[in-house]
Structure formats: C-alpha cells, structure tokens
C-alpha cells in the first residue's frame, strides 16, 4: 500500500469536525510523501487545513446539509494543547462569564497555558493563547480551578452570594463537593475579602 493510500485510509477514520495534527501521520512514510498526500486530499476537499500543521474533515451543517463546516478555533487550540501536552484553560474573565459570576462576555476569547503564546483563527473566530504561571493553571479541568481563576480576577464586592450559588449550581456540585472545594479555595492566596465571602457562602450551605 502506498503512502498516499495509507494517509487516505487513516483520514477516513478521523471524526468529522475534530481537528487533527499532520504529525500523527508521519509514521506512515517520509515527511515529504505525507505532506504531498495531505495536500492532495485538501485540494480534493476531503480535508481542510485549519492552521499550520492541523487539518479537519469537514462536516455538513445540521440546519443546511449542503453547507460544509470545518471546526472552531477553540477546538484547534485544544488539539494543539493535547498534541504538545500543554495545559489549556479559559482565562479568569472567561471562566467567570461561563459560571455566571459576571454577565458580560469578554470581548476577546483568551486562554491561559504553560505552552508558548500564540493565536488560532477560523473564519471570524480568533482564540488567543497566553503563556502564564503554573499558579494560575492550578486544578486545570476541575471545578475548583474554574472557580479559582474566576475569583482571582473579580472584585469580591462585585459578586453577590447569590451569584456564587449560581456558579456552584452550574458546576452541578453536591453539598459535600461544594464544601471540599471551598476548603481548597480557602487554602489559596486569594485576598482576605474573598476569604471572608467564601466563609459567608460556606455558612449559607448549613442553613
């Protein structure tokens, strides 16, 4: 089987709409042969190049099956992070918006990472990845991490206890899980005003 045939066969097993890296294909043959095969598939419309080194199998839009869509800039950023074993989390304001701790969406979608800073763009969507400290990345992928990053960028006086309750509901946490997470947050260097507000919220859980 030729390199081109091997590449084509593997591409057919890639999930539509999910970006993948060309680096995963280099084991099928020489770098030049793999890149030539990917270029041919791109010209044929079987795959689309969405960023340097990243491709996707387009998928039909549910509402308009005749229209093919590729993927999102966020998905490409996540594929990049997975390939390189980087941590990637929404920055504090983005986390706060997703948890309902603030109502205004950030103008720009920014992610924090321990990898190098860079941008990913698909159509009109742009994702900016900013290198940051390990401290800001603690508990990546965990509810306490999203809460920690949110609280670290918000003023305590701007967030009500009701908003904190809403955030915990969105995370679908049990009472026990909420208390465990509160203990973790109280062990962080959050400002004393936040520590006091978290203590108030903890008391509300027992009422």
N, C-alpha and C. Protein backbone atom coordinates (compact mmCIF):
# COMPACT_ATOMS: atom_id res chain seq x y z
N UNK A 1 0.84 -1.19 0.00
CA UNK A 1 0.00 0.00 0.00
C UNK A 1 0.89 1.25 0.00
N UNK A 2 0.59 2.19 -0.88
CA UNK A 2 1.38 3.41 -0.98
C UNK A 2 1.14 4.32 0.22
N UNK A 3 2.05 5.29 0.40
CA UNK A 3 1.89 6.25 1.49
C UNK A 3 0.60 7.03 1.32
N UNK A 4 0.30 7.40 0.08
CA UNK A 4 -0.92 8.15 -0.21
C UNK A 4 -2.16 7.36 0.22
N UNK A 5 -2.16 6.06 -0.08
CA UNK A 5 -3.29 5.21 0.29
C UNK A 5 -3.40 5.06 1.81
N UNK A 6 -2.26 4.94 2.48
CA UNK A 6 -2.26 4.83 3.94
C UNK A 6 -2.81 6.10 4.59
N UNK A 7 -2.37 7.25 4.07
CA UNK A 7 -2.83 8.52 4.60
C UNK A 7 -4.33 8.66 4.39
N UNK A 8 -4.79 8.33 3.19
CA UNK A 8 -6.21 8.43 2.87
C UNK A 8 -7.04 7.52 3.77
N UNK A 9 -6.56 6.31 4.01
CA UNK A 9 -7.29 5.36 4.85
C UNK A 9 -7.41 5.88 6.28
N UNK A 10 -6.31 6.43 6.79
CA UNK A 10 -6.36 6.94 8.17
C UNK A 10 -7.27 8.17 8.27
N UNK A 11 -7.20 9.02 7.26
CA UNK A 11 -8.04 10.22 7.26
C UNK A 11 -9.52 9.84 7.33
N UNK A 12 -9.89 8.77 6.62
CA UNK A 12 -11.29 8.35 6.60
C UNK A 12 -11.79 7.91 7.97
N UNK A 13 -10.86 7.60 8.87
CA UNK A 13 -11.23 7.18 10.23
C UNK A 13 -11.24 8.36 11.21
N UNK A 14 -10.84 9.54 10.75
CA UNK A 14 -10.85 10.72 11.61
C UNK A 14 -12.28 11.23 11.73
N UNK A 15 -12.65 11.62 12.94
CA UNK A 15 -14.01 12.11 13.19
C UNK A 15 -14.21 13.47 12.53
N UNK A 16 -15.33 13.64 11.86
CA UNK A 16 -15.61 14.90 11.18
C UNK A 16 -15.75 16.04 12.19
N UNK A 17 -15.17 17.19 11.82
CA UNK A 17 -15.28 18.36 12.67
C UNK A 17 -14.28 18.42 13.81
N UNK A 18 -13.46 17.38 13.97
CA UNK A 18 -12.47 17.34 15.05
C UNK A 18 -11.08 17.52 14.44
N UNK A 19 -10.38 18.60 14.75
CA UNK A 19 -9.07 18.85 14.14
C UNK A 19 -8.02 17.82 14.56
N UNK A 20 -7.10 17.53 13.65
CA UNK A 20 -6.02 16.60 13.94
C UNK A 20 -4.72 17.14 13.36
N UNK A 21 -3.62 16.67 13.92
CA UNK A 21 -2.30 17.15 13.51
C UNK A 21 -1.68 16.24 12.46
N UNK A 22 -0.99 16.84 11.52
CA UNK A 22 -0.31 16.06 10.50
C UNK A 22 0.81 15.22 11.10
N UNK A 23 1.31 15.62 12.25
CA UNK A 23 2.43 14.90 12.87
C UNK A 23 2.06 13.45 13.18
N UNK A 24 0.78 13.20 13.38
CA UNK A 24 0.34 11.84 13.66
C UNK A 24 0.39 10.92 12.45
N UNK A 25 0.68 11.49 11.27
CA UNK A 25 0.72 10.72 10.03
C UNK A 25 2.14 10.44 9.55
N UNK A 26 3.12 11.08 10.17
CA UNK A 26 4.49 10.96 9.68
C UNK A 26 5.05 9.55 9.81
N UNK A 27 4.44 8.74 10.65
CA UNK A 27 4.92 7.36 10.78
C UNK A 27 4.52 6.50 9.58
N UNK A 28 3.68 7.04 8.70
CA UNK A 28 3.21 6.27 7.54
C UNK A 28 4.17 6.31 6.36
N UNK A 29 5.14 7.21 6.42
CA UNK A 29 6.09 7.32 5.30
C UNK A 29 6.98 8.53 5.50
N UNK A 30 7.65 8.92 4.44
CA UNK A 30 8.53 10.08 4.54
C UNK A 30 7.69 11.34 4.75
N UNK A 31 8.29 12.32 5.36
CA UNK A 31 7.60 13.58 5.62
C UNK A 31 7.07 14.20 4.33
N UNK A 32 7.90 14.19 3.30
CA UNK A 32 7.51 14.78 2.02
C UNK A 32 6.31 14.05 1.42
N UNK A 33 6.30 12.71 1.51
CA UNK A 33 5.21 11.92 0.94
C UNK A 33 3.91 12.16 1.68
N UNK A 34 4.00 12.26 3.00
CA UNK A 34 2.80 12.50 3.80
C UNK A 34 2.23 13.89 3.50
N UNK A 35 3.10 14.88 3.43
CA UNK A 35 2.64 16.24 3.15
C UNK A 35 2.03 16.35 1.75
N UNK A 36 2.60 15.61 0.81
CA UNK A 36 2.05 15.61 -0.54
C UNK A 36 0.66 14.98 -0.55
N UNK A 37 0.48 13.89 0.19
CA UNK A 37 -0.82 13.22 0.27
C UNK A 37 -1.85 14.12 0.93
N UNK A 38 -1.46 14.82 1.99
CA UNK A 38 -2.38 15.71 2.68
C UNK A 38 -2.77 16.89 1.78
N UNK A 39 -1.80 17.37 1.00
CA UNK A 39 -2.07 18.46 0.08
C UNK A 39 -3.09 18.04 -0.97
N UNK A 40 -2.94 16.80 -1.46
CA UNK A 40 -3.89 16.30 -2.47
C UNK A 40 -5.29 16.18 -1.90
N UNK A 41 -5.40 15.66 -0.69
CA UNK A 41 -6.71 15.50 -0.06
C UNK A 41 -7.35 16.86 0.22
N UNK A 42 -6.51 17.85 0.52
CA UNK A 42 -7.03 19.20 0.75
C UNK A 42 -7.59 19.78 -0.55
N UNK A 43 -6.86 19.61 -1.63
CA UNK A 43 -7.32 20.11 -2.93
C UNK A 43 -8.62 19.42 -3.36
N UNK A 44 -8.76 18.15 -3.00
CA UNK A 44 -9.97 17.40 -3.35
C UNK A 44 -11.15 17.75 -2.45
N UNK A 45 -10.89 18.49 -1.37
CA UNK A 45 -11.97 18.88 -0.47
C UNK A 45 -12.31 17.85 0.58
N UNK A 46 -11.52 16.78 0.67
CA UNK A 46 -11.80 15.75 1.67
C UNK A 46 -11.41 16.21 3.06
N UNK A 47 -10.39 17.07 3.14
CA UNK A 47 -9.98 17.67 4.40
C UNK A 47 -9.74 19.16 4.17
N UNK A 48 -9.69 19.92 5.26
CA UNK A 48 -9.41 21.34 5.17
C UNK A 48 -8.26 21.67 6.12
N UNK A 49 -7.35 22.51 5.66
CA UNK A 49 -6.24 22.95 6.51
C UNK A 49 -6.75 24.11 7.35
N UNK A 50 -6.79 23.94 8.67
CA UNK A 50 -7.37 24.96 9.54
C UNK A 50 -6.32 25.78 10.30
N UNK A 51 -5.09 25.31 10.34
CA UNK A 51 -3.98 26.03 10.96
C UNK A 51 -2.71 25.34 10.51
N UNK A 52 -1.57 25.93 10.77
CA UNK A 52 -0.33 25.32 10.36
C UNK A 52 -0.16 23.95 11.02
N UNK A 53 -0.16 22.91 10.18
CA UNK A 53 0.01 21.56 10.69
C UNK A 53 -1.25 20.88 11.16
N UNK A 54 -2.42 21.55 11.05
CA UNK A 54 -3.67 20.99 11.55
C UNK A 54 -4.74 20.96 10.46
N UNK A 55 -5.45 19.85 10.42
CA UNK A 55 -6.46 19.62 9.40
C UNK A 55 -7.74 19.12 10.06
N UNK A 56 -8.81 19.08 9.26
CA UNK A 56 -10.08 18.57 9.76
C UNK A 56 -10.90 18.02 8.59
N UNK A 57 -11.68 17.01 8.87
CA UNK A 57 -12.65 16.54 7.87
C UNK A 57 -13.90 17.38 8.03
N UNK A 58 -14.28 18.16 7.01
CA UNK A 58 -15.48 19.00 7.13
C UNK A 58 -16.72 18.15 7.39
N UNK A 59 -17.70 18.75 8.06
CA UNK A 59 -18.95 18.05 8.31
C UNK A 59 -20.11 18.94 7.86
N UNK A 60 -21.23 18.34 7.45
CA UNK A 60 -22.38 19.13 7.00
C UNK A 60 -23.04 19.87 8.16
N UNK A 61 -23.48 21.09 7.89
CA UNK A 61 -24.20 21.87 8.87
C UNK A 61 -25.58 21.25 9.06
N UNK A 62 -25.97 21.00 10.30
CA UNK A 62 -27.24 20.30 10.57
C UNK A 62 -28.43 20.99 9.93
N UNK A 63 -28.48 22.31 10.05
CA UNK A 63 -29.63 23.05 9.52
C UNK A 63 -29.60 23.16 7.99
N UNK A 64 -28.38 23.13 7.42
CA UNK A 64 -28.24 23.21 5.96
C UNK A 64 -27.22 22.15 5.52
N UNK A 65 -27.66 20.92 5.32
CA UNK A 65 -26.75 19.82 5.00
C UNK A 65 -25.82 20.06 3.81
N UNK A 66 -26.23 20.93 2.90
CA UNK A 66 -25.41 21.18 1.72
C UNK A 66 -24.19 22.06 2.05
N UNK A 67 -24.22 22.69 3.24
CA UNK A 67 -23.13 23.56 3.65
C UNK A 67 -22.16 22.78 4.54
N UNK A 68 -20.89 22.81 4.17
CA UNK A 68 -19.85 22.10 4.93
C UNK A 68 -19.13 23.07 5.87
N UNK A 69 -19.00 22.66 7.12
CA UNK A 69 -18.27 23.48 8.09
C UNK A 69 -17.06 22.70 8.56
N UNK A 70 -16.03 23.40 9.00
CA UNK A 70 -14.81 22.72 9.41
C UNK A 70 -14.78 22.50 10.92
N UNK A 71 -14.34 23.49 11.68
CA UNK A 71 -14.23 23.34 13.12
C UNK A 71 -14.13 24.73 13.72
N UNK A 72 -13.89 24.81 15.03
CA UNK A 72 -13.75 26.11 15.69
C UNK A 72 -12.30 26.36 16.05
N UNK A 73 -11.97 27.63 16.24
CA UNK A 73 -10.60 27.99 16.65
C UNK A 73 -10.28 27.39 18.02
N UNK A 74 -11.29 27.32 18.87
CA UNK A 74 -11.06 26.73 20.20
C UNK A 74 -10.70 25.25 20.09
N UNK A 75 -11.37 24.54 19.21
CA UNK A 75 -11.06 23.11 19.04
C UNK A 75 -9.65 22.92 18.49
N UNK A 76 -9.21 23.80 17.61
CA UNK A 76 -7.84 23.70 17.08
C UNK A 76 -6.84 23.96 18.20
N UNK A 77 -7.14 24.97 19.03
CA UNK A 77 -6.25 25.27 20.16
C UNK A 77 -6.16 24.09 21.11
N UNK A 78 -7.28 23.42 21.34
CA UNK A 78 -7.29 22.26 22.24
C UNK A 78 -6.52 21.09 21.62
N UNK A 79 -6.62 20.92 20.31
CA UNK A 79 -5.86 19.86 19.63
C UNK A 79 -4.37 20.14 19.75
N UNK A 80 -3.98 21.39 19.59
CA UNK A 80 -2.58 21.81 19.74
C UNK A 80 -2.08 21.51 21.14
N UNK A 81 -2.90 21.83 22.14
CA UNK A 81 -2.50 21.60 23.53
C UNK A 81 -2.36 20.11 23.82
N UNK A 82 -3.31 19.31 23.32
CA UNK A 82 -3.24 17.85 23.53
C UNK A 82 -1.99 17.27 22.91
N UNK A 83 -1.68 17.68 21.69
CA UNK A 83 -0.52 17.13 20.99
C UNK A 83 0.78 17.42 21.72
N UNK A 84 0.86 18.60 22.33
CA UNK A 84 2.10 19.01 22.98
C UNK A 84 2.09 18.85 24.49
N UNK A 85 1.01 18.25 25.02
CA UNK A 85 0.87 18.05 26.47
C UNK A 85 0.93 19.37 27.24
N UNK A 86 0.30 20.39 26.67
CA UNK A 86 0.21 21.68 27.34
C UNK A 86 -1.10 21.74 28.12
N UNK A 87 -1.07 22.49 29.20
CA UNK A 87 -2.31 22.80 29.92
C UNK A 87 -2.96 23.97 29.20
N UNK A 88 -4.28 23.91 29.05
CA UNK A 88 -5.01 24.99 28.39
C UNK A 88 -6.32 25.20 29.14
N UNK A 89 -6.50 26.40 29.68
CA UNK A 89 -7.71 26.71 30.44
C UNK A 89 -8.24 28.09 30.03
N UNK A 90 -9.57 28.29 30.12
CA UNK A 90 -10.10 29.63 29.87
C UNK A 90 -9.53 30.61 30.89
N UNK A 91 -9.18 31.81 30.46
CA UNK A 91 -8.66 32.80 31.39
C UNK A 91 -9.76 33.20 32.38
N UNK A 92 -9.37 33.91 33.44
CA UNK A 92 -10.28 34.19 34.54
C UNK A 92 -11.61 34.81 34.16
N UNK A 93 -11.60 35.84 33.32
CA UNK A 93 -12.84 36.51 32.93
C UNK A 93 -13.75 35.60 32.12
N UNK A 94 -13.14 34.75 31.29
CA UNK A 94 -13.93 33.79 30.52
C UNK A 94 -14.59 32.77 31.45
N UNK A 95 -13.83 32.28 32.43
CA UNK A 95 -14.38 31.34 33.41
C UNK A 95 -15.51 31.98 34.20
N UNK A 96 -15.31 33.24 34.60
CA UNK A 96 -16.33 33.95 35.37
C UNK A 96 -17.61 34.10 34.57
N UNK A 97 -17.48 34.38 33.28
CA UNK A 97 -18.67 34.52 32.43
C UNK A 97 -19.39 33.18 32.28
N UNK A 98 -18.63 32.12 32.07
CA UNK A 98 -19.23 30.80 31.89
C UNK A 98 -19.94 30.32 33.16
N UNK A 99 -19.45 30.76 34.31
CA UNK A 99 -20.05 30.35 35.58
C UNK A 99 -21.16 31.30 36.03
N UNK A 100 -21.37 32.37 35.30
CA UNK A 100 -22.42 33.31 35.66
C UNK A 100 -22.03 34.30 36.74
N UNK A 101 -20.74 34.40 37.03
CA UNK A 101 -20.27 35.35 38.04
C UNK A 101 -20.19 36.77 37.49
N UNK A 102 -20.23 36.87 36.16
CA UNK A 102 -20.38 38.17 35.52
C UNK A 102 -21.21 37.97 34.26
N UNK A 103 -21.97 38.97 33.90
CA UNK A 103 -22.93 38.82 32.80
C UNK A 103 -22.37 39.22 31.45
N UNK A 104 -21.29 39.99 31.44
CA UNK A 104 -20.73 40.46 30.17
C UNK A 104 -19.63 39.52 29.68
N UNK A 105 -19.80 39.05 28.45
CA UNK A 105 -18.79 38.16 27.87
C UNK A 105 -17.54 38.96 27.54
N UNK A 106 -16.36 38.38 27.74
CA UNK A 106 -15.12 39.07 27.37
C UNK A 106 -15.13 39.40 25.88
N UNK A 107 -14.60 40.56 25.53
CA UNK A 107 -14.56 40.96 24.12
C UNK A 107 -13.72 39.99 23.31
N UNK A 108 -12.64 39.52 23.90
CA UNK A 108 -11.72 38.62 23.21
C UNK A 108 -11.63 37.30 23.96
N UNK A 109 -11.68 36.19 23.25
CA UNK A 109 -11.58 34.88 23.90
C UNK A 109 -10.11 34.54 24.11
N UNK A 110 -9.72 34.45 25.38
CA UNK A 110 -8.32 34.22 25.74
C UNK A 110 -8.20 32.97 26.62
N UNK A 111 -7.20 32.17 26.34
CA UNK A 111 -6.90 31.00 27.15
C UNK A 111 -5.52 31.15 27.77
N UNK A 112 -5.35 30.59 28.94
CA UNK A 112 -4.04 30.56 29.60
C UNK A 112 -3.41 29.20 29.41
N UNK A 113 -2.09 29.17 29.30
CA UNK A 113 -1.40 27.91 29.05
C UNK A 113 0.03 27.97 29.58
N UNK A 114 0.60 26.78 29.79
CA UNK A 114 2.03 26.71 30.10
C UNK A 114 2.85 26.55 28.83
N UNK A 115 2.17 26.52 27.69
CA UNK A 115 2.85 26.48 26.40
C UNK A 115 3.13 27.90 25.91
N UNK A 116 3.72 28.04 24.74
CA UNK A 116 4.03 29.37 24.21
C UNK A 116 2.77 30.14 23.81
N UNK A 117 2.85 31.44 23.85
CA UNK A 117 1.72 32.28 23.43
C UNK A 117 1.57 32.20 21.91
N UNK A 118 0.31 32.13 21.46
CA UNK A 118 0.05 32.13 20.02
C UNK A 118 -1.44 32.36 19.77
N UNK A 119 -1.81 32.49 18.51
CA UNK A 119 -3.21 32.70 18.16
C UNK A 119 -3.68 31.62 17.20
N UNK A 120 -4.99 31.35 17.25
CA UNK A 120 -5.63 30.42 16.32
C UNK A 120 -6.85 31.15 15.76
N UNK A 121 -7.02 31.09 14.46
CA UNK A 121 -8.14 31.78 13.82
C UNK A 121 -8.84 30.87 12.83
N UNK A 122 -10.16 30.82 12.93
CA UNK A 122 -11.00 30.10 11.97
C UNK A 122 -12.12 31.05 11.57
N UNK A 123 -12.15 31.46 10.34
CA UNK A 123 -13.17 32.42 9.90
C UNK A 123 -13.07 33.70 10.71
N UNK A 124 -14.18 34.08 11.34
CA UNK A 124 -14.21 35.30 12.15
C UNK A 124 -13.85 35.06 13.61
N UNK A 125 -13.58 33.81 13.96
CA UNK A 125 -13.27 33.48 15.35
C UNK A 125 -11.75 33.42 15.57
N UNK A 126 -11.30 34.13 16.59
CA UNK A 126 -9.89 34.12 16.95
C UNK A 126 -9.72 33.78 18.41
N UNK A 127 -8.84 32.84 18.69
CA UNK A 127 -8.51 32.45 20.06
C UNK A 127 -7.07 32.87 20.33
N UNK A 128 -6.88 33.56 21.43
CA UNK A 128 -5.53 33.93 21.82
C UNK A 128 -5.09 33.07 23.00
N UNK A 129 -3.94 32.44 22.87
CA UNK A 129 -3.37 31.65 23.96
C UNK A 129 -2.22 32.45 24.56
N UNK A 130 -2.28 32.65 25.87
CA UNK A 130 -1.23 33.41 26.55
C UNK A 130 -0.50 32.52 27.55
N UNK A 131 0.80 32.53 27.46
CA UNK A 131 1.60 31.80 28.44
C UNK A 131 1.45 32.47 29.80
N UNK A 132 1.28 31.64 30.84
CA UNK A 132 1.13 32.20 32.18
C UNK A 132 1.81 31.30 33.20
N UNK A 133 1.74 31.68 34.46
CA UNK A 133 2.41 30.94 35.52
C UNK A 133 1.63 29.68 35.89
N UNK A 134 2.34 28.72 36.45
CA UNK A 134 1.70 27.48 36.87
C UNK A 134 0.64 27.74 37.93
N UNK A 135 0.85 28.78 38.75
CA UNK A 135 -0.10 29.09 39.81
C UNK A 135 -1.49 29.38 39.26
N UNK A 136 -1.54 30.07 38.12
CA UNK A 136 -2.84 30.39 37.53
C UNK A 136 -3.49 29.19 36.85
N UNK A 137 -2.71 28.14 36.65
CA UNK A 137 -3.22 26.95 35.95
C UNK A 137 -3.61 25.83 36.90
N UNK A 138 -3.54 26.09 38.19
CA UNK A 138 -3.82 25.02 39.15
C UNK A 138 -5.22 24.47 38.96
N UNK A 139 -5.35 23.17 39.22
CA UNK A 139 -6.62 22.45 39.11
C UNK A 139 -7.24 22.59 37.72
N UNK A 140 -6.41 22.49 36.70
CA UNK A 140 -6.92 22.57 35.32
C UNK A 140 -7.93 21.46 35.07
N UNK A 141 -9.03 21.82 34.45
CA UNK A 141 -10.07 20.83 34.14
C UNK A 141 -10.93 20.45 35.32
N UNK A 142 -10.74 21.11 36.45
CA UNK A 142 -11.50 20.81 37.67
C UNK A 142 -12.40 22.00 38.02
N UNK A 143 -13.55 21.76 38.67
CA UNK A 143 -14.44 22.86 39.06
C UNK A 143 -13.74 23.90 39.94
N UNK A 144 -12.91 23.43 40.87
CA UNK A 144 -12.22 24.37 41.75
C UNK A 144 -11.26 25.27 40.98
N UNK A 145 -10.71 24.73 39.87
CA UNK A 145 -9.82 25.53 39.04
C UNK A 145 -10.56 26.67 38.35
N UNK A 146 -11.73 26.34 37.80
CA UNK A 146 -12.55 27.37 37.13
C UNK A 146 -12.97 28.44 38.13
N UNK A 147 -13.34 28.03 39.33
CA UNK A 147 -13.74 28.98 40.37
C UNK A 147 -12.56 29.85 40.81
N UNK A 148 -11.41 29.20 41.02
CA UNK A 148 -10.22 29.94 41.45
C UNK A 148 -9.84 31.01 40.44
N UNK A 149 -9.82 30.65 39.14
CA UNK A 149 -9.44 31.62 38.12
C UNK A 149 -10.47 32.75 38.02
N UNK A 150 -11.73 32.42 38.24
CA UNK A 150 -12.78 33.44 38.21
C UNK A 150 -12.61 34.44 39.35
N UNK A 151 -12.45 33.92 40.56
CA UNK A 151 -12.36 34.79 41.73
C UNK A 151 -11.09 35.64 41.70
N UNK A 152 -10.04 35.09 41.08
CA UNK A 152 -8.75 35.81 41.09
C UNK A 152 -8.77 37.08 40.24
N UNK A 153 -9.78 37.23 39.37
CA UNK A 153 -9.83 38.42 38.51
C UNK A 153 -11.03 39.32 38.82
N UNK A 154 -11.86 38.91 39.78
CA UNK A 154 -13.04 39.70 40.14
C UNK A 154 -12.88 40.33 41.51
N UNK A 155 -13.52 41.48 41.69
CA UNK A 155 -13.53 42.13 43.00
C UNK A 155 -14.62 41.48 43.86
N UNK A 156 -14.32 41.12 45.10
CA UNK A 156 -15.31 40.46 45.97
C UNK A 156 -16.61 41.24 46.10
N UNK A 157 -16.50 42.58 46.18
CA UNK A 157 -17.70 43.39 46.36
C UNK A 157 -18.60 43.42 45.12
N UNK A 158 -18.06 42.97 43.99
CA UNK A 158 -18.85 42.97 42.76
C UNK A 158 -19.62 41.66 42.56
N UNK A 159 -19.40 40.69 43.45
CA UNK A 159 -20.03 39.38 43.31
C UNK A 159 -20.88 39.08 44.55
N UNK A 160 -22.15 38.81 44.33
CA UNK A 160 -23.05 38.52 45.44
C UNK A 160 -22.99 37.05 45.82
N UNK A 161 -23.50 36.73 47.01
CA UNK A 161 -23.57 35.33 47.43
C UNK A 161 -24.47 34.54 46.50
N UNK A 162 -25.52 35.21 45.99
CA UNK A 162 -26.43 34.54 45.05
C UNK A 162 -25.70 34.14 43.77
N UNK A 163 -24.78 34.99 43.33
CA UNK A 163 -24.01 34.67 42.12
C UNK A 163 -23.09 33.49 42.36
N UNK A 164 -22.51 33.43 43.55
CA UNK A 164 -21.66 32.28 43.89
C UNK A 164 -22.49 31.01 43.92
N UNK A 165 -23.69 31.10 44.47
CA UNK A 165 -24.59 29.94 44.49
C UNK A 165 -24.91 29.48 43.07
N UNK A 166 -25.14 30.46 42.19
CA UNK A 166 -25.43 30.13 40.79
C UNK A 166 -24.25 29.40 40.15
N UNK A 167 -23.02 29.87 40.44
CA UNK A 167 -21.83 29.24 39.89
C UNK A 167 -21.71 27.79 40.34
N UNK A 168 -21.97 27.55 41.62
CA UNK A 168 -21.88 26.18 42.13
C UNK A 168 -22.98 25.30 41.52
N UNK A 169 -24.15 25.88 41.27
CA UNK A 169 -25.22 25.11 40.62
C UNK A 169 -24.83 24.74 39.19
N UNK A 170 -24.20 25.67 38.50
CA UNK A 170 -23.80 25.39 37.11
C UNK A 170 -22.77 24.27 37.06
N UNK A 171 -21.99 24.16 38.12
CA UNK A 171 -20.99 23.09 38.19
C UNK A 171 -21.59 21.78 38.67
N UNK A 172 -22.89 21.82 39.01
CA UNK A 172 -23.62 20.62 39.45
C UNK A 172 -22.90 19.90 40.59
N UNK A 173 -22.55 20.67 41.61
CA UNK A 173 -21.81 20.13 42.75
C UNK A 173 -22.76 19.72 43.87
N UNK A 174 -22.45 18.63 44.52
CA UNK A 174 -23.21 18.24 45.70
C UNK A 174 -22.78 19.12 46.87
N UNK A 175 -23.53 19.05 47.98
CA UNK A 175 -23.18 19.84 49.16
C UNK A 175 -21.80 19.46 49.68
N UNK A 176 -21.50 18.17 49.67
CA UNK A 176 -20.19 17.70 50.14
C UNK A 176 -19.09 18.21 49.23
N UNK A 177 -19.29 18.10 47.91
CA UNK A 177 -18.30 18.57 46.95
C UNK A 177 -18.07 20.07 47.09
N UNK A 178 -19.15 20.81 47.33
CA UNK A 178 -19.04 22.26 47.49
C UNK A 178 -18.16 22.60 48.68
N UNK A 179 -18.35 21.90 49.79
CA UNK A 179 -17.55 22.16 50.98
C UNK A 179 -16.08 21.80 50.76
N UNK A 180 -15.85 20.70 50.05
CA UNK A 180 -14.46 20.29 49.77
C UNK A 180 -13.76 21.32 48.89
N UNK A 181 -14.49 21.84 47.91
CA UNK A 181 -13.92 22.84 47.01
C UNK A 181 -13.68 24.15 47.75
N UNK A 182 -14.59 24.51 48.63
CA UNK A 182 -14.41 25.73 49.42
C UNK A 182 -13.14 25.65 50.25
N UNK A 183 -12.88 24.49 50.82
CA UNK A 183 -11.66 24.31 51.62
C UNK A 183 -10.42 24.52 50.75
N UNK A 184 -10.46 24.01 49.52
CA UNK A 184 -9.33 24.19 48.61
C UNK A 184 -9.13 25.67 48.27
N UNK A 185 -10.25 26.35 47.99
CA UNK A 185 -10.16 27.76 47.62
C UNK A 185 -9.65 28.60 48.80
N UNK A 186 -10.05 28.21 50.00
CA UNK A 186 -9.62 28.95 51.18
C UNK A 186 -8.14 28.73 51.50
N UNK A 187 -7.56 27.70 50.86
CA UNK A 187 -6.13 27.44 51.07
C UNK A 187 -5.25 28.19 50.08
N UNK A 188 -5.88 28.91 49.15
CA UNK A 188 -5.14 29.66 48.14
C UNK A 188 -4.89 31.08 48.61
N UNK A 189 -3.95 31.79 47.97
CA UNK A 189 -3.66 33.17 48.36
C UNK A 189 -4.66 34.18 47.81
N UNK A 190 -5.96 33.87 47.85
CA UNK A 190 -6.96 34.84 47.44
C UNK A 190 -7.01 35.96 48.49
N UNK A 191 -7.37 37.18 48.10
CA UNK A 191 -7.44 38.29 49.05
C UNK A 191 -8.36 37.97 50.23
N UNK A 192 -8.11 38.60 51.37
CA UNK A 192 -8.87 38.35 52.58
C UNK A 192 -10.36 38.62 52.38
N UNK A 193 -10.68 39.60 51.54
CA UNK A 193 -12.09 39.91 51.27
C UNK A 193 -12.78 38.73 50.60
N UNK A 194 -12.06 38.03 49.74
CA UNK A 194 -12.63 36.84 49.12
C UNK A 194 -12.74 35.71 50.13
N UNK A 195 -11.76 35.58 50.98
CA UNK A 195 -11.80 34.54 52.01
C UNK A 195 -13.03 34.74 52.91
N UNK A 196 -13.31 36.00 53.25
CA UNK A 196 -14.47 36.29 54.08
C UNK A 196 -15.77 35.95 53.36
N UNK A 197 -15.82 36.28 52.08
CA UNK A 197 -17.05 36.00 51.32
C UNK A 197 -17.26 34.50 51.16
N UNK A 198 -16.18 33.77 50.96
CA UNK A 198 -16.29 32.31 50.85
C UNK A 198 -16.75 31.70 52.17
N UNK A 199 -16.30 32.28 53.29
CA UNK A 199 -16.75 31.80 54.59
C UNK A 199 -18.23 32.06 54.78
N UNK A 200 -18.71 33.21 54.30
CA UNK A 200 -20.14 33.53 54.35
C UNK A 200 -20.94 32.52 53.52
N UNK A 201 -20.41 32.21 52.36
CA UNK A 201 -21.10 31.25 51.49
C UNK A 201 -21.12 29.86 52.15
N UNK A 202 -20.04 29.49 52.79
CA UNK A 202 -19.96 28.20 53.47
C UNK A 202 -21.01 28.10 54.56
N UNK A 203 -21.22 29.20 55.29
CA UNK A 203 -22.24 29.22 56.34
C UNK A 203 -23.64 29.06 55.75
N UNK A 204 -23.84 29.61 54.55
CA UNK A 204 -25.16 29.51 53.91
C UNK A 204 -25.50 28.08 53.52
N UNK A 205 -24.48 27.24 53.35
CA UNK A 205 -24.71 25.85 52.98
C UNK A 205 -25.33 25.05 54.13
N UNK A 206 -25.12 25.53 55.34
CA UNK A 206 -25.62 24.80 56.52
C UNK A 206 -27.01 25.29 56.94
N UNK A 207 -27.46 26.36 56.32
CA UNK A 207 -28.75 26.94 56.71
C UNK A 207 -29.90 26.32 55.94
